[in-house]
Amino acid sequence: MKISFLASHGGSSAKAIIAAIKAEQLQGFEVGLLITNNKTTAIYPWCLDNNIEVVHISGKTNPDNEDAAICAALQAANTDIIVLSGYMKKIGTHTLQAFNNRILNIHPSLLPKHGGHKMYGDFVHAAVLKAGDKESGASVQIINEVYDAGPVLLQQKVPVLEADTVATLGERVRAEEAELYINALKKWQANSFHYE
């Protein structure tokens, strides 16, 4: 099963998953390519240094057909499943249709809580603290055309502590994300989840 990635920044989840594949912790998977919309980000040279095929596709490189170009690159790499790793753009219709129910994302809350448009990163952790939630965590979901509305595959909870700040809560959630994503991929591979 070939995994390709979309990333906008450092691609920490992509790096962790690729490391797990190379270490044979994720057996039966191989790496396709990584697409980034930001050629100046850290993940681009990291891919070059680690012999991972990397492609820069953005509104600047493909102003008229960014979505179609992304979809074509994923298909050319024989991608079976797409992992979003801090990808900050909405997935377009071409790609959603071509890879229906095969695009995974990780979100830093216990969805459906604190999801939706413009809810990412520290905005999520701030919302958790403002709501007075006693626990937070991360969710891996199958994406659809609505932000953070797709079926959840797997979640990992963390406590929210009285003294927490956005930074400390964010650090606790991020510490769980790589293992959660890897376990979600194992569930995906075993087809041991159900979604509508």
Protein backbone atom coordinates (compact mmCIF):
# COMPACT_ATOMS: atom_id res chain seq x y z
CA MET A 1 0.00 0.00 0.00
CA LYS A 2 1.57 3.26 -1.09
CA ILE A 3 1.25 6.37 1.10
CA SER A 4 1.74 9.86 -0.27
CA PHE A 5 1.79 13.02 1.82
CA LEU A 6 0.69 16.63 1.61
CA ALA A 7 2.50 19.07 3.90
CA SER A 8 2.77 22.84 4.27
CA HIS A 9 5.38 23.29 7.00
CA GLY A 10 7.73 20.94 8.85
CA GLY A 11 5.82 17.74 8.10
CA SER A 12 6.46 16.16 11.50
CA SER A 13 3.76 13.50 11.04
CA ALA A 14 5.05 12.64 7.57
CA LYS A 15 8.60 12.27 8.95
CA ALA A 16 7.40 9.98 11.76
CA ILE A 17 5.37 7.78 9.41
CA ILE A 18 8.21 7.54 6.88
CA ALA A 19 10.60 6.59 9.72
CA ALA A 20 8.13 3.90 10.87
CA ILE A 21 7.92 2.48 7.34
CA LYS A 22 11.72 2.39 7.02
CA ALA A 23 12.00 0.72 10.44
CA GLU A 24 9.35 -1.82 9.37
CA GLN A 25 7.01 -0.76 12.17
CA LEU A 26 4.44 -0.17 9.41
CA GLN A 27 4.74 -3.31 7.33
CA GLY A 28 3.03 -3.53 3.98
CA PHE A 29 3.37 0.22 3.36
CA GLU A 30 5.72 2.07 1.09
CA VAL A 31 6.29 5.77 0.49
CA GLY A 32 4.95 7.39 -2.65
CA LEU A 33 5.74 11.10 -2.81
CA LEU A 34 5.33 14.24 -0.75
CA ILE A 35 3.62 17.31 -2.17
CA THR A 36 4.14 20.67 -0.53
CA ASN A 37 2.58 24.02 -1.38
CA ASN A 38 5.55 25.80 0.20
CA LYS A 39 8.99 25.13 -1.31
CA THR A 40 10.76 27.15 1.40
CA THR A 41 9.51 24.95 4.23
CA ALA A 42 11.72 22.51 6.16
CA ILE A 43 10.08 19.38 4.74
CA TYR A 44 11.31 20.10 1.19
CA PRO A 45 15.08 19.78 1.81
CA TRP A 46 14.41 16.98 4.31
CA CYS A 47 12.78 14.94 1.54
CA LEU A 48 15.72 15.60 -0.79
CA ASP A 49 18.18 14.54 1.93
CA ASN A 50 16.20 11.34 2.61
CA ASN A 51 15.57 10.27 -1.00
CA ILE A 52 11.84 10.95 -0.79
CA GLU A 53 10.25 12.21 -4.00
CA VAL A 54 9.02 15.74 -3.32
CA VAL A 55 6.98 18.03 -5.58
CA HIS A 56 6.09 21.68 -5.10
CA ILE A 57 2.53 22.37 -6.28
CA SER A 58 0.76 25.57 -5.28
CA GLY A 59 -1.38 28.38 -6.59
CA LYS A 60 1.84 29.95 -7.86
CA THR A 61 3.06 26.91 -9.79
CA ASN A 62 -0.39 25.96 -11.09
CA PRO A 63 -2.67 29.01 -10.79
CA ASP A 64 -5.41 27.57 -12.99
CA ASN A 65 -5.38 23.90 -12.00
CA GLU A 66 -3.69 23.38 -8.61
CA ASP A 67 -6.16 20.68 -7.53
CA ALA A 68 -5.90 18.82 -10.85
CA ALA A 69 -2.09 18.97 -10.71
CA ILE A 70 -2.06 17.57 -7.17
CA CYS A 71 -4.44 14.79 -8.15
CA ALA A 72 -2.40 13.90 -11.26
CA ALA A 73 0.87 13.76 -9.26
CA LEU A 74 -0.71 11.49 -6.64
CA GLN A 75 -2.12 9.20 -9.29
CA ALA A 76 1.19 9.08 -11.19
CA ALA A 77 2.86 7.89 -7.96
CA ASN A 78 0.28 5.05 -7.69
CA THR A 79 -0.93 6.44 -4.38
CA ASP A 80 -3.32 4.26 -2.38
CA ILE A 81 -3.79 6.49 0.64
CA ILE A 82 -3.01 10.16 1.32
CA VAL A 83 -1.81 11.46 4.68
CA LEU A 84 -2.13 15.16 5.42
CA SER A 85 0.74 16.40 7.59
CA GLY A 86 0.02 19.97 8.60
CA TYR A 87 -1.36 20.76 5.13
CA MET A 88 -2.95 24.18 5.42
CA LYS A 89 -5.09 24.23 2.28
CA LYS A 90 -8.49 22.69 1.66
CA ILE A 91 -8.36 19.59 -0.55
CA GLY A 92 -9.98 20.22 -3.91
CA THR A 93 -12.83 18.38 -5.59
CA HIS A 94 -10.65 16.48 -8.10
CA THR A 95 -8.50 14.98 -5.37
CA LEU A 96 -11.42 14.30 -3.02
CA GLN A 97 -13.29 12.39 -5.71
CA ALA A 98 -10.29 10.45 -7.00
CA PHE A 99 -9.28 9.42 -3.48
CA ASN A 100 -12.70 9.19 -1.85
CA ASN A 101 -12.41 7.86 1.73
CA ARG A 102 -8.64 7.50 1.28
CA ILE A 103 -7.40 10.86 2.64
CA LEU A 104 -6.48 11.02 6.33
CA ASN A 105 -5.90 14.07 8.50
CA ILE A 106 -4.92 14.58 12.12
CA HIS A 107 -6.59 17.30 14.17
CA PRO A 108 -5.43 18.49 17.62
CA SER A 109 -8.71 18.01 19.48
CA LEU A 110 -11.24 15.32 20.25
CA LEU A 111 -13.48 15.82 17.25
CA PRO A 112 -16.24 16.80 16.80
CA LYS A 113 -15.21 19.27 19.52
CA HIS A 114 -13.21 22.30 18.38
CA GLY A 115 -13.15 21.52 14.68
CA GLY A 116 -14.08 23.55 11.63
CA HIS A 117 -12.75 26.32 9.40
CA LYS A 118 -9.78 28.21 10.86
CA MET A 119 -9.57 25.80 13.80
CA TYR A 120 -6.00 24.59 13.73
CA GLY A 121 -2.92 24.56 15.94
CA ASP A 122 -2.94 27.02 18.83
CA PHE A 123 -6.45 28.24 17.95
CA VAL A 124 -7.73 24.79 18.89
CA HIS A 125 -5.82 24.61 22.17
CA ALA A 126 -7.02 28.11 23.10
CA ALA A 127 -10.61 27.05 22.43
CA VAL A 128 -10.19 23.95 24.61
CA LEU A 129 -8.90 26.05 27.51
CA LYS A 130 -11.61 28.68 27.06
CA ALA A 131 -14.30 25.98 27.12
CA GLY A 132 -12.93 24.60 30.40
CA ASP A 133 -12.63 21.08 28.97
CA LYS A 134 -11.11 18.50 31.31
CA GLU A 135 -9.53 16.54 28.48
CA SER A 136 -8.31 17.12 24.97
CA GLY A 137 -6.28 15.07 22.54
CA ALA A 138 -5.96 14.35 18.85
CA SER A 139 -8.14 12.71 16.22
CA VAL A 140 -7.29 10.98 12.95
CA GLN A 141 -10.17 11.21 10.51
CA ILE A 142 -11.12 10.52 6.92
CA ILE A 143 -11.65 13.91 5.34
CA ASN A 144 -14.52 15.03 3.17
CA GLU A 145 -15.57 18.35 1.65
CA VAL A 146 -16.40 19.89 5.05
CA TYR A 147 -13.60 20.89 7.44
CA ASP A 148 -13.15 18.31 10.23
CA ALA A 149 -16.51 16.66 9.53
CA GLY A 150 -15.34 13.29 8.23
CA PRO A 151 -15.54 10.00 10.16
CA VAL A 152 -13.04 9.64 13.01
CA LEU A 153 -10.79 6.57 12.81
CA LEU A 154 -8.92 6.86 16.08
CA GLN A 155 -8.45 9.29 18.96
CA GLN A 156 -5.94 9.71 21.76
CA LYS A 157 -6.96 11.61 24.89
CA VAL A 158 -4.74 13.76 27.10
CA PRO A 159 -5.69 15.52 30.33
CA VAL A 160 -6.12 19.27 30.49
CA LEU A 161 -4.33 20.49 33.61
CA GLU A 162 -5.33 23.48 35.72
CA ALA A 163 -2.05 25.28 35.07
CA ASP A 164 -2.11 24.61 31.31
CA THR A 165 -1.36 27.30 28.79
CA VAL A 166 -1.87 27.05 25.05
CA ALA A 167 1.82 26.12 24.77
CA THR A 168 1.83 23.37 27.40
CA LEU A 169 -1.42 21.82 26.20
CA GLY A 170 -0.23 21.96 22.60
CA GLU A 171 3.02 20.23 23.54
CA ARG A 172 1.14 17.43 25.33
CA VAL A 173 -1.15 16.85 22.35
CA ARG A 174 1.67 16.96 19.79
CA ALA A 175 3.59 14.35 21.79
CA GLU A 176 0.80 11.85 21.00
CA GLU A 177 0.27 12.62 17.33
CA ALA A 178 2.92 10.50 15.60
CA GLU A 179 2.00 7.28 17.40
CA LEU A 180 -1.70 7.97 16.91
CA TYR A 181 -1.26 8.46 13.16
CA ILE A 182 0.79 5.25 12.89
CA ASN A 183 -1.82 3.28 14.83
CA ALA A 184 -4.60 4.73 12.68
CA LEU A 185 -2.76 3.56 9.56
CA LYS A 186 -2.48 0.08 11.05
CA LYS A 187 -6.24 0.09 11.65
CA TRP A 188 -6.79 1.31 8.11
CA GLN A 189 -4.61 -1.48 6.75
CA ALA A 190 -6.42 -4.12 8.82
CA ASN A 191 -9.76 -2.58 7.80
CA SER A 192 -10.78 -2.84 11.45
CA PHE A 193 -12.82 0.34 11.49
CA HIS A 194 -16.19 1.23 10.01
CA TYR A 195 -17.34 4.45 8.44
CA GLU A 196 -20.40 5.57 6.55
